[in-house]
Amino acid sequence: MKRILLFIITNLAVIVVLSISLRLLGFEGLLSAQGVDLNLNSLLLFAAVFGFGGAFISLAISKWSAKRMTGATVIEQPQNTTEEWLLDTVRRQAQGAGIDMPEVAVYNSPEVNAFATGMNKNNALVAVSSGLLENMAADEVEAVLAHEVSHVANGDMVTLTLIQGVVNTFVIFLSRVVGHIVDRVILKNERGHGIGYFITTIIAEVVLGVLASIIVMWFSRQREFRADEGGAKLAGREKMVAALRRLQQGHAPSQLPDQMAAFGISGGIGGGLKKLFMSHPPLAERIASLEAGRSSLSR
């Protein structure tokens, strides 16, 4: 809750500073001189409400939607030794990470993957695929679980949602500013909003949305390195490296729904421009990062 409150206060401050800066720079006066009647404060408020509103609604229903999109079944009473081991392992790791016990679930999929989600770190869900349980050794599964528990303990779901809310706000705000200027200054429309405003706004939202996704994906990749490091602390560095190597050997594109792909452990393959839009760093980079940490510890 403190993390959410601090992030909201910080980003409200950013919005206020942006509003004041635009006034000090004479942006509103410049628009008025061009015959552009645009209330920046009202537009900022509108953008913030819709930008953060959608992100928070997604976060609030994340556990519910994740269970239904993947068909995950929460383990309430273990039916076999594997489920018993899963609960015991996550419970021990949660205690080590200082969080409440998450719900533990298994979903039916041949891919080797797992994910964590939830509104806050004390009300989370950790789920693993049946393919992961069938194709990984116990030590490797333990490391994967530790990686996901670290995501929860780090508050990564909340942080990524809040970052998404911030970029949503600026995409909504800037696209409408651009649309308004084109409508009033270039097309000389003096009443209401013409077709030029709507077309320009849509195009600007698409372009700015692509740029915004690069920012969000960069943050997502950084949290994967942190979760790997956290998993190494909870389960052991050797086990974490072994788990990532296993994922590397049998890597295939994630079959998780698009809304859940950023929360899975399985990384992507790619480089160059494609890497800018990846939610996970390449597995080779994650392994190298862990091994570099191991080397520094051994010195």
C-alpha atoms as a PDB file:
ATOM      1  CA  MET A   1       0.000   0.000   0.000  1.00  0.00           C
ATOM      2  CA  LYS A   2       2.880   2.391   0.833  1.00  0.00           C
ATOM      3  CA  ARG A   3       4.434   1.642  -2.585  1.00  0.00           C
ATOM      4  CA  ILE A   4       1.156   2.463  -4.365  1.00  0.00           C
ATOM      5  CA  LEU A   5       0.604   5.655  -2.340  1.00  0.00           C
ATOM      6  CA  LEU A   6       4.164   6.871  -2.920  1.00  0.00           C
ATOM      7  CA  PHE A   7       3.989   6.150  -6.650  1.00  0.00           C
ATOM      8  CA  ILE A   8       0.616   7.929  -6.998  1.00  0.00           C
ATOM      9  CA  ILE A   9       1.885  10.977  -5.095  1.00  0.00           C
ATOM     10  CA  THR A  10       5.051  11.035  -7.204  1.00  0.00           C
ATOM     11  CA  ASN A  11       3.154  10.898 -10.479  1.00  0.00           C
ATOM     12  CA  LEU A  12       0.573  13.458  -9.395  1.00  0.00           C
ATOM     13  CA  ALA A  13       3.543  15.693  -8.640  1.00  0.00           C
ATOM     14  CA  VAL A  14       4.894  15.011 -12.145  1.00  0.00           C
ATOM     15  CA  ILE A  15       1.552  16.029 -13.645  1.00  0.00           C
ATOM     16  CA  VAL A  16       1.418  19.219 -11.538  1.00  0.00           C
ATOM     17  CA  VAL A  17       5.007  20.107 -12.481  1.00  0.00           C
ATOM     18  CA  LEU A  18       4.234  19.488 -16.162  1.00  0.00           C
ATOM     19  CA  SER A  19       1.190  21.760 -15.944  1.00  0.00           C
ATOM     20  CA  ILE A  20       3.182  24.534 -14.246  1.00  0.00           C
ATOM     21  CA  SER A  21       6.081  24.130 -16.691  1.00  0.00           C
ATOM     22  CA  LEU A  22       3.800  24.465 -19.707  1.00  0.00           C
ATOM     23  CA  ARG A  23       2.403  27.680 -18.225  1.00  0.00           C
ATOM     24  CA  LEU A  24       5.850  29.111 -17.392  1.00  0.00           C
ATOM     25  CA  LEU A  25       7.083  28.304 -20.891  1.00  0.00           C
ATOM     26  CA  GLY A  26       4.119  30.212 -22.282  1.00  0.00           C
ATOM     27  CA  PHE A  27       2.658  27.178 -24.044  1.00  0.00           C
ATOM     28  CA  GLU A  28      -0.931  28.175 -23.289  1.00  0.00           C
ATOM     29  CA  GLY A  29      -0.236  31.746 -24.425  1.00  0.00           C
ATOM     30  CA  LEU A  30       1.275  30.436 -27.647  1.00  0.00           C
ATOM     31  CA  LEU A  31      -1.795  28.322 -28.270  1.00  0.00           C
ATOM     32  CA  SER A  32      -4.106  31.252 -27.533  1.00  0.00           C
ATOM     33  CA  ALA A  33      -2.186  33.429 -29.981  1.00  0.00           C
ATOM     34  CA  GLN A  34      -2.853  30.810 -32.621  1.00  0.00           C
ATOM     35  CA  GLY A  35      -6.544  30.729 -31.753  1.00  0.00           C
ATOM     36  CA  VAL A  36      -6.284  27.405 -29.946  1.00  0.00           C
ATOM     37  CA  ASP A  37      -8.621  27.230 -26.954  1.00  0.00           C
ATOM     38  CA  LEU A  38      -7.184  24.312 -24.983  1.00  0.00           C
ATOM     39  CA  ASN A  39      -7.504  23.905 -21.211  1.00  0.00           C
ATOM     40  CA  LEU A  40      -4.325  21.985 -20.362  1.00  0.00           C
ATOM     41  CA  ASN A  41      -5.222  21.444 -16.712  1.00  0.00           C
ATOM     42  CA  SER A  42      -8.557  19.820 -17.563  1.00  0.00           C
ATOM     43  CA  LEU A  43      -6.914  17.721 -20.266  1.00  0.00           C
ATOM     44  CA  LEU A  44      -4.201  16.549 -17.836  1.00  0.00           C
ATOM     45  CA  LEU A  45      -6.838  15.547 -15.286  1.00  0.00           C
ATOM     46  CA  PHE A  46      -8.842  13.692 -17.945  1.00  0.00           C
ATOM     47  CA  ALA A  47      -5.711  11.899 -19.185  1.00  0.00           C
ATOM     48  CA  ALA A  48      -4.654  10.919 -15.654  1.00  0.00           C
ATOM     49  CA  VAL A  49      -8.088   9.523 -14.740  1.00  0.00           C
ATOM     50  CA  PHE A  50      -8.300   7.391 -17.868  1.00  0.00           C
ATOM     51  CA  GLY A  51      -4.594   6.544 -17.989  1.00  0.00           C
ATOM     52  CA  PHE A  52      -4.407   5.283 -14.427  1.00  0.00           C
ATOM     53  CA  GLY A  53      -8.008   4.057 -14.294  1.00  0.00           C
ATOM     54  CA  GLY A  54      -7.536   1.400 -16.940  1.00  0.00           C
ATOM     55  CA  ALA A  55      -4.221   0.267 -15.475  1.00  0.00           C
ATOM     56  CA  PHE A  56      -5.632  -0.085 -11.956  1.00  0.00           C
ATOM     57  CA  ILE A  57      -8.729  -1.934 -13.128  1.00  0.00           C
ATOM     58  CA  SER A  58      -6.469  -4.426 -14.937  1.00  0.00           C
ATOM     59  CA  LEU A  59      -4.413  -4.855 -11.771  1.00  0.00           C
ATOM     60  CA  ALA A  60      -7.477  -5.272  -9.565  1.00  0.00           C
ATOM     61  CA  ILE A  61      -8.830  -8.148 -11.660  1.00  0.00           C
ATOM     62  CA  SER A  62      -5.410  -9.624 -12.534  1.00  0.00           C
ATOM     63  CA  LYS A  63      -5.741 -12.776 -10.410  1.00  0.00           C
ATOM     64  CA  TRP A  64      -9.301 -13.420 -11.546  1.00  0.00           C
ATOM     65  CA  SER A  65      -8.475 -12.874 -15.233  1.00  0.00           C
ATOM     66  CA  ALA A  66      -5.221 -14.883 -15.053  1.00  0.00           C
ATOM     67  CA  LYS A  67      -7.030 -17.931 -13.683  1.00  0.00           C
ATOM     68  CA  ARG A  68      -9.652 -17.782 -16.403  1.00  0.00           C
ATOM     69  CA  MET A  69      -7.317 -17.023 -19.298  1.00  0.00           C
ATOM     70  CA  THR A  70      -4.992 -19.904 -18.438  1.00  0.00           C
ATOM     71  CA  GLY A  71      -7.499 -22.274 -16.824  1.00  0.00           C
ATOM     72  CA  ALA A  72      -5.274 -22.402 -13.726  1.00  0.00           C
ATOM     73  CA  THR A  73      -6.528 -24.513 -10.826  1.00  0.00           C
ATOM     74  CA  VAL A  74      -5.618 -23.264  -7.359  1.00  0.00           C
ATOM     75  CA  ILE A  75      -4.266 -25.955  -5.028  1.00  0.00           C
ATOM     76  CA  GLU A  76      -6.436 -25.782  -1.917  1.00  0.00           C
ATOM     77  CA  GLN A  77      -6.044 -29.362  -0.721  1.00  0.00           C
ATOM     78  CA  PRO A  78      -3.043 -31.118  -2.294  1.00  0.00           C
ATOM     79  CA  GLN A  79      -4.084 -34.227  -4.236  1.00  0.00           C
ATOM     80  CA  ASN A  80      -0.603 -35.710  -4.648  1.00  0.00           C
ATOM     81  CA  THR A  81       2.994 -35.372  -3.488  1.00  0.00           C
ATOM     82  CA  THR A  82       3.834 -32.894  -6.274  1.00  0.00           C
ATOM     83  CA  GLU A  83       1.125 -30.474  -5.190  1.00  0.00           C
ATOM     84  CA  GLU A  84       2.165 -30.939  -1.574  1.00  0.00           C
ATOM     85  CA  TRP A  85       5.768 -30.130  -2.486  1.00  0.00           C
ATOM     86  CA  LEU A  86       4.675 -27.061  -4.468  1.00  0.00           C
ATOM     87  CA  LEU A  87       2.771 -25.651  -1.498  1.00  0.00           C
ATOM     88  CA  ASP A  88       5.579 -26.373   0.957  1.00  0.00           C
ATOM     89  CA  THR A  89       8.203 -24.824  -1.331  1.00  0.00           C
ATOM     90  CA  VAL A  90       6.242 -21.634  -2.008  1.00  0.00           C
ATOM     91  CA  ARG A  91       5.363 -21.324   1.693  1.00  0.00           C
ATOM     92  CA  ARG A  92       9.016 -21.566   2.688  1.00  0.00           C
ATOM     93  CA  GLN A  93      10.092 -19.088   0.014  1.00  0.00           C
ATOM     94  CA  ALA A  94       7.314 -16.636   0.918  1.00  0.00           C
ATOM     95  CA  GLN A  95       8.459 -16.699   4.531  1.00  0.00           C
ATOM     96  CA  GLY A  96      12.040 -16.093   3.401  1.00  0.00           C
ATOM     97  CA  ALA A  97      10.892 -13.157   1.264  1.00  0.00           C
ATOM     98  CA  GLY A  98       8.766 -11.703   4.078  1.00  0.00           C
ATOM     99  CA  ILE A  99       5.381 -11.924   2.325  1.00  0.00           C
ATOM    100  CA  ASP A 100       2.107 -13.731   2.966  1.00  0.00           C
ATOM    101  CA  MET A 101       1.583 -17.115   1.358  1.00  0.00           C
ATOM    102  CA  PRO A 102       0.413 -16.622  -2.257  1.00  0.00           C
ATOM    103  CA  GLU A 103      -2.186 -18.835  -3.879  1.00  0.00           C
ATOM    104  CA  VAL A 104      -0.461 -21.635  -5.795  1.00  0.00           C
ATOM    105  CA  ALA A 105      -1.979 -22.951  -9.023  1.00  0.00           C
ATOM    106  CA  VAL A 106      -1.214 -25.307 -11.895  1.00  0.00           C
ATOM    107  CA  TYR A 107      -2.448 -24.726 -15.445  1.00  0.00           C
ATOM    108  CA  ASN A 108      -2.526 -27.285 -18.225  1.00  0.00           C
ATOM    109  CA  SER A 109      -0.047 -26.376 -20.973  1.00  0.00           C
ATOM    110  CA  PRO A 110       2.829 -28.219 -22.666  1.00  0.00           C
ATOM    111  CA  GLU A 111       5.075 -25.132 -22.538  1.00  0.00           C
ATOM    112  CA  VAL A 112       7.601 -24.762 -19.741  1.00  0.00           C
ATOM    113  CA  ASN A 113       6.451 -21.577 -18.026  1.00  0.00           C
ATOM    114  CA  ALA A 114       5.201 -19.979 -14.826  1.00  0.00           C
ATOM    115  CA  PHE A 115       3.854 -16.586 -13.784  1.00  0.00           C
ATOM    116  CA  ALA A 116       2.910 -14.491 -10.765  1.00  0.00           C
ATOM    117  CA  THR A 117       0.269 -11.802 -10.487  1.00  0.00           C
ATOM    118  CA  GLY A 118      -1.947 -10.057  -7.973  1.00  0.00           C
ATOM    119  CA  MET A 119      -3.055  -6.672  -6.623  1.00  0.00           C
ATOM    120  CA  ASN A 120      -0.430  -6.624  -3.884  1.00  0.00           C
ATOM    121  CA  LYS A 121       2.379  -8.765  -2.516  1.00  0.00           C
ATOM    122  CA  ASN A 122       0.256 -10.190   0.292  1.00  0.00           C
ATOM    123  CA  ASN A 123      -2.580 -11.251  -1.997  1.00  0.00           C
ATOM    124  CA  ALA A 124      -0.845 -12.822  -4.973  1.00  0.00           C
ATOM    125  CA  LEU A 125      -0.992 -15.864  -7.235  1.00  0.00           C
ATOM    126  CA  VAL A 126       1.920 -18.047  -8.348  1.00  0.00           C
ATOM    127  CA  ALA A 127       1.105 -20.503 -11.141  1.00  0.00           C
ATOM    128  CA  VAL A 128       3.174 -23.105 -12.977  1.00  0.00           C
ATOM    129  CA  SER A 129       2.410 -25.009 -16.162  1.00  0.00           C
ATOM    130  CA  SER A 130       2.033 -28.768 -16.279  1.00  0.00           C
ATOM    131  CA  GLY A 131       4.785 -28.720 -18.924  1.00  0.00           C
ATOM    132  CA  LEU A 132       7.178 -27.132 -16.451  1.00  0.00           C
ATOM    133  CA  LEU A 133       6.491 -29.802 -13.827  1.00  0.00           C
ATOM    134  CA  GLU A 134       6.961 -32.562 -16.390  1.00  0.00           C
ATOM    135  CA  ASN A 135      10.163 -31.252 -17.989  1.00  0.00           C
ATOM    136  CA  MET A 136      12.131 -29.707 -15.144  1.00  0.00           C
ATOM    137  CA  ALA A 137      13.984 -31.293 -12.256  1.00  0.00           C
ATOM    138  CA  ALA A 138      12.854 -30.452  -8.718  1.00  0.00           C
ATOM    139  CA  ASP A 139      15.764 -28.046  -8.127  1.00  0.00           C
ATOM    140  CA  GLU A 140      14.936 -26.194 -11.348  1.00  0.00           C
ATOM    141  CA  VAL A 141      11.240 -25.926 -10.454  1.00  0.00           C
ATOM    142  CA  GLU A 142      12.267 -24.630  -7.034  1.00  0.00           C
ATOM    143  CA  ALA A 143      14.303 -21.881  -8.693  1.00  0.00           C
ATOM    144  CA  VAL A 144      11.420 -20.937 -11.001  1.00  0.00           C
ATOM    145  CA  LEU A 145       9.095 -20.682  -7.998  1.00  0.00           C
ATOM    146  CA  ALA A 146      11.686 -18.532  -6.213  1.00  0.00           C
ATOM    147  CA  HIS A 147      11.853 -16.242  -9.270  1.00  0.00           C
ATOM    148  CA  GLU A 148       8.071 -15.782  -9.194  1.00  0.00           C
ATOM    149  CA  VAL A 149       7.973 -15.283  -5.409  1.00  0.00           C
ATOM    150  CA  SER A 150      10.659 -12.603  -5.870  1.00  0.00           C
ATOM    151  CA  HIS A 151       8.424 -10.843  -8.408  1.00  0.00           C
ATOM    152  CA  VAL A 152       5.696 -10.778  -5.768  1.00  0.00           C
ATOM    153  CA  ALA A 153       8.019  -9.643  -2.971  1.00  0.00           C
ATOM    154  CA  ASN A 154       9.451  -6.872  -5.184  1.00  0.00           C
ATOM    155  CA  GLY A 155       5.940  -5.609  -5.968  1.00  0.00           C
ATOM    156  CA  ASP A 156       6.665  -5.912  -9.679  1.00  0.00           C
ATOM    157  CA  MET A 157       3.037  -6.320 -10.740  1.00  0.00           C
ATOM    158  CA  VAL A 158       2.080  -3.077  -9.011  1.00  0.00           C
ATOM    159  CA  THR A 159       5.149  -1.199 -10.243  1.00  0.00           C
ATOM    160  CA  LEU A 160       4.658  -2.229 -13.869  1.00  0.00           C
ATOM    161  CA  THR A 161       0.964  -1.305 -13.687  1.00  0.00           C
ATOM    162  CA  LEU A 162       1.778   2.139 -12.301  1.00  0.00           C
ATOM    163  CA  ILE A 163       4.405   2.705 -14.993  1.00  0.00           C
ATOM    164  CA  GLN A 164       1.797   1.719 -17.574  1.00  0.00           C
ATOM    165  CA  GLY A 165      -0.580   4.237 -16.002  1.00  0.00           C
ATOM    166  CA  VAL A 166       1.995   7.016 -16.291  1.00  0.00           C
ATOM    167  CA  VAL A 167       2.751   6.373 -19.960  1.00  0.00           C
ATOM    168  CA  ASN A 168      -0.978   5.976 -20.700  1.00  0.00           C
ATOM    169  CA  THR A 169      -1.546   9.414 -19.180  1.00  0.00           C
ATOM    170  CA  PHE A 170       1.053  11.090 -21.354  1.00  0.00           C
ATOM    171  CA  VAL A 171      -0.055   9.271 -24.511  1.00  0.00           C
ATOM    172  CA  ILE A 172      -3.662  10.407 -23.975  1.00  0.00           C
ATOM    173  CA  PHE A 173      -2.578  13.953 -23.117  1.00  0.00           C
ATOM    174  CA  LEU A 174      -0.050  14.518 -25.908  1.00  0.00           C
ATOM    175  CA  SER A 175      -2.120  12.878 -28.643  1.00  0.00           C
ATOM    176  CA  ARG A 176      -5.044  15.195 -27.891  1.00  0.00           C
ATOM    177  CA  VAL A 177      -2.794  18.255 -27.778  1.00  0.00           C
ATOM    178  CA  VAL A 178      -1.434  17.342 -31.222  1.00  0.00           C
ATOM    179  CA  GLY A 179      -4.933  16.664 -32.561  1.00  0.00           C
ATOM    180  CA  HIS A 180      -6.239  19.953 -31.192  1.00  0.00           C
ATOM    181  CA  ILE A 181      -3.378  21.975 -32.688  1.00  0.00           C
ATOM    182  CA  VAL A 182      -3.798  20.353 -36.117  1.00  0.00           C
ATOM    183  CA  ASP A 183      -7.552  20.946 -35.993  1.00  0.00           C
ATOM    184  CA  ARG A 184      -7.291  24.612 -34.989  1.00  0.00           C
ATOM    185  CA  VAL A 185      -4.023  25.847 -36.527  1.00  0.00           C
ATOM    186  CA  ILE A 186      -3.593  23.812 -39.709  1.00  0.00           C
ATOM    187  CA  LEU A 187      -7.190  23.014 -40.651  1.00  0.00           C
ATOM    188  CA  LYS A 188      -8.542  26.320 -39.224  1.00  0.00           C
ATOM    189  CA  ASN A 189     -11.547  24.649 -37.656  1.00  0.00           C
ATOM    190  CA  GLU A 190     -13.125  27.167 -35.244  1.00  0.00           C
ATOM    191  CA  ARG A 191     -16.093  25.226 -33.874  1.00  0.00           C
ATOM    192  CA  GLY A 192     -15.987  21.964 -32.000  1.00  0.00           C
ATOM    193  CA  HIS A 193     -13.664  19.257 -33.243  1.00  0.00           C
ATOM    194  CA  GLY A 194     -13.583  18.288 -36.894  1.00  0.00           C
ATOM    195  CA  ILE A 195     -12.582  15.025 -38.549  1.00  0.00           C
ATOM    196  CA  GLY A 196      -8.978  16.254 -38.643  1.00  0.00           C
ATOM    197  CA  TYR A 197      -8.832  16.247 -34.842  1.00  0.00           C
ATOM    198  CA  PHE A 198     -10.059  12.681 -34.518  1.00  0.00           C
ATOM    199  CA  ILE A 199      -7.832  11.276 -37.278  1.00  0.00           C
ATOM    200  CA  THR A 200      -4.745  13.107 -35.984  1.00  0.00           C
ATOM    201  CA  THR A 201      -5.445  12.042 -32.403  1.00  0.00           C
ATOM    202  CA  ILE A 202      -5.747   8.379 -33.419  1.00  0.00           C
ATOM    203  CA  ILE A 203      -2.511   8.495 -35.443  1.00  0.00           C
ATOM    204  CA  ALA A 204      -0.692  10.281 -32.612  1.00  0.00           C
ATOM    205  CA  GLU A 205      -1.965   7.734 -30.076  1.00  0.00           C
ATOM    206  CA  VAL A 206      -0.651   4.863 -32.207  1.00  0.00           C
ATOM    207  CA  VAL A 207       2.784   6.457 -32.671  1.00  0.00           C
ATOM    208  CA  LEU A 208       3.098   7.561 -29.037  1.00  0.00           C
ATOM    209  CA  GLY A 209       1.734   4.207 -27.879  1.00  0.00           C
ATOM    210  CA  VAL A 210       4.553   2.400 -29.685  1.00  0.00           C
ATOM    211  CA  LEU A 211       7.132   4.689 -28.065  1.00  0.00           C
ATOM    212  CA  ALA A 212       5.460   4.229 -24.675  1.00  0.00           C
ATOM    213  CA  SER A 213       5.558   0.445 -25.001  1.00  0.00           C
ATOM    214  CA  ILE A 214       9.350   0.652 -25.443  1.00  0.00           C
ATOM    215  CA  ILE A 215       9.568   2.397 -22.065  1.00  0.00           C
ATOM    216  CA  VAL A 216       7.297  -0.136 -20.356  1.00  0.00           C
ATOM    217  CA  MET A 217       9.191  -3.086 -21.836  1.00  0.00           C
ATOM    218  CA  TRP A 218      12.518  -1.633 -20.660  1.00  0.00           C
ATOM    219  CA  PHE A 219      11.224  -1.536 -17.091  1.00  0.00           C
ATOM    220  CA  SER A 220       9.857  -5.053 -17.520  1.00  0.00           C
ATOM    221  CA  ARG A 221      13.265  -6.358 -18.585  1.00  0.00           C
ATOM    222  CA  GLN A 222      14.943  -4.737 -15.580  1.00  0.00           C
ATOM    223  CA  ARG A 223      12.514  -6.390 -13.159  1.00  0.00           C
ATOM    224  CA  GLU A 224      13.390  -9.782 -14.673  1.00  0.00           C
ATOM    225  CA  PHE A 225      17.039  -9.324 -13.730  1.00  0.00           C
ATOM    226  CA  ARG A 226      15.962  -8.390 -10.212  1.00  0.00           C
ATOM    227  CA  ALA A 227      13.660 -11.406  -9.944  1.00  0.00           C
ATOM    228  CA  ASP A 228      16.448 -13.708 -11.156  1.00  0.00           C
ATOM    229  CA  GLU A 229      18.715 -12.306  -8.467  1.00  0.00           C
ATOM    230  CA  GLY A 230      15.974 -12.681  -5.880  1.00  0.00           C
ATOM    231  CA  GLY A 231      15.368 -16.256  -7.022  1.00  0.00           C
ATOM    232  CA  ALA A 232      19.081 -16.955  -6.647  1.00  0.00           C
ATOM    233  CA  LYS A 233      18.966 -15.730  -3.048  1.00  0.00           C
ATOM    234  CA  LEU A 234      15.907 -17.820  -2.167  1.00  0.00           C
ATOM    235  CA  ALA A 235      16.762 -21.058  -3.992  1.00  0.00           C
ATOM    236  CA  GLY A 236      20.485 -20.795  -4.713  1.00  0.00           C
ATOM    237  CA  ARG A 237      22.383 -19.280  -7.624  1.00  0.00           C
ATOM    238  CA  GLU A 238      23.296 -22.656  -9.143  1.00  0.00           C
ATOM    239  CA  LYS A 239      19.648 -23.725  -9.219  1.00  0.00           C
ATOM    240  CA  MET A 240      18.559 -20.431 -10.785  1.00  0.00           C
ATOM    241  CA  VAL A 241      21.193 -20.688 -13.515  1.00  0.00           C
ATOM    242  CA  ALA A 242      20.247 -24.328 -14.142  1.00  0.00           C
ATOM    243  CA  ALA A 243      16.566 -23.400 -14.486  1.00  0.00           C
ATOM    244  CA  LEU A 244      17.345 -20.676 -17.023  1.00  0.00           C
ATOM    245  CA  ARG A 245      19.591 -23.045 -18.974  1.00  0.00           C
ATOM    246  CA  ARG A 246      16.749 -25.568 -19.088  1.00  0.00           C
ATOM    247  CA  LEU A 247      14.441 -22.868 -20.442  1.00  0.00           C
ATOM    248  CA  GLN A 248      17.104 -21.969 -23.002  1.00  0.00           C
ATOM    249  CA  GLN A 249      17.416 -25.560 -24.213  1.00  0.00           C
ATOM    250  CA  GLY A 250      13.735 -26.026 -24.869  1.00  0.00           C
ATOM    251  CA  HIS A 251      12.784 -22.464 -25.643  1.00  0.00           C
ATOM    252  CA  ALA A 252       9.653 -21.812 -27.668  1.00  0.00           C
ATOM    253  CA  PRO A 253       7.498 -18.694 -27.999  1.00  0.00           C
ATOM    254  CA  SER A 254       5.302 -18.179 -24.939  1.00  0.00           C
ATOM    255  CA  GLN A 255       1.782 -19.541 -25.222  1.00  0.00           C
ATOM    256  CA  LEU A 256       0.494 -17.370 -22.382  1.00  0.00           C
ATOM    257  CA  PRO A 257      -2.220 -14.874 -23.416  1.00  0.00           C
ATOM    258  CA  ASP A 258      -0.827 -11.467 -24.420  1.00  0.00           C
ATOM    259  CA  GLN A 259      -2.068  -9.911 -21.165  1.00  0.00           C
ATOM    260  CA  MET A 260      -0.036 -12.444 -19.160  1.00  0.00           C
ATOM    261  CA  ALA A 261       3.120 -12.801 -21.283  1.00  0.00           C
ATOM    262  CA  ALA A 262       5.036 -10.122 -19.378  1.00  0.00           C
ATOM    263  CA  PHE A 263       4.463 -12.011 -16.130  1.00  0.00           C
ATOM    264  CA  GLY A 264       5.801 -15.379 -17.284  1.00  0.00           C
ATOM    265  CA  ILE A 265       9.344 -16.576 -16.607  1.00  0.00           C
ATOM    266  CA  SER A 266      10.030 -17.740 -20.161  1.00  0.00           C
ATOM    267  CA  GLY A 267      12.009 -15.073 -22.022  1.00  0.00           C
ATOM    268  CA  GLY A 268      12.119 -14.080 -25.632  1.00  0.00           C
ATOM    269  CA  ILE A 269      14.565 -14.580 -28.461  1.00  0.00           C
ATOM    270  CA  GLY A 270      15.625 -11.579 -30.421  1.00  0.00           C
ATOM    271  CA  GLY A 271      17.966  -8.690 -30.858  1.00  0.00           C
ATOM    272  CA  GLY A 272      18.215  -5.286 -32.483  1.00  0.00           C
ATOM    273  CA  LEU A 273      14.960  -3.385 -32.679  1.00  0.00           C
ATOM    274  CA  LYS A 274      12.957  -6.453 -31.681  1.00  0.00           C
ATOM    275  CA  LYS A 275      14.625  -6.413 -28.284  1.00  0.00           C
ATOM    276  CA  LEU A 276      13.097  -2.997 -27.557  1.00  0.00           C
ATOM    277  CA  PHE A 277       9.645  -4.598 -27.496  1.00  0.00           C
ATOM    278  CA  MET A 278      10.559  -7.699 -25.464  1.00  0.00           C
ATOM    279  CA  SER A 279       9.139  -7.987 -21.931  1.00  0.00           C
ATOM    280  CA  HIS A 280      12.022 -10.300 -20.949  1.00  0.00           C
ATOM    281  CA  PRO A 281      15.761 -10.019 -21.641  1.00  0.00           C
ATOM    282  CA  PRO A 282      17.203 -12.846 -23.763  1.00  0.00           C
ATOM    283  CA  LEU A 283      17.891 -15.900 -21.595  1.00  0.00           C
ATOM    284  CA  ALA A 284      21.601 -15.724 -22.450  1.00  0.00           C
ATOM    285  CA  GLU A 285      21.798 -12.244 -20.915  1.00  0.00           C
ATOM    286  CA  ARG A 286      19.970 -13.363 -17.785  1.00  0.00           C
ATOM    287  CA  ILE A 287      22.319 -16.321 -17.349  1.00  0.00           C
ATOM    288  CA  ALA A 288      25.366 -14.117 -17.917  1.00  0.00           C
ATOM    289  CA  SER A 289      24.105 -11.645 -15.323  1.00  0.00           C
ATOM    290  CA  LEU A 290      23.678 -14.378 -12.704  1.00  0.00           C
ATOM    291  CA  GLU A 291      27.066 -15.878 -13.504  1.00  0.00           C
ATOM    292  CA  ALA A 292      28.696 -12.452 -13.236  1.00  0.00           C
ATOM    293  CA  GLY A 293      27.119 -12.127  -9.793  1.00  0.00           C
ATOM    294  CA  ARG A 294      28.454 -15.548  -8.843  1.00  0.00           C
ATOM    295  CA  SER A 295      31.947 -14.561  -9.987  1.00  0.00           C
ATOM    296  CA  SER A 296      31.873 -11.373  -7.900  1.00  0.00           C
ATOM    297  CA  LEU A 297      30.782 -13.352  -4.838  1.00  0.00           C
ATOM    298  CA  SER A 298      33.629 -15.830  -5.252  1.00  0.00           C
ATOM    299  CA  ARG A 299      36.312 -13.132  -5.261  1.00  0.00           C
END
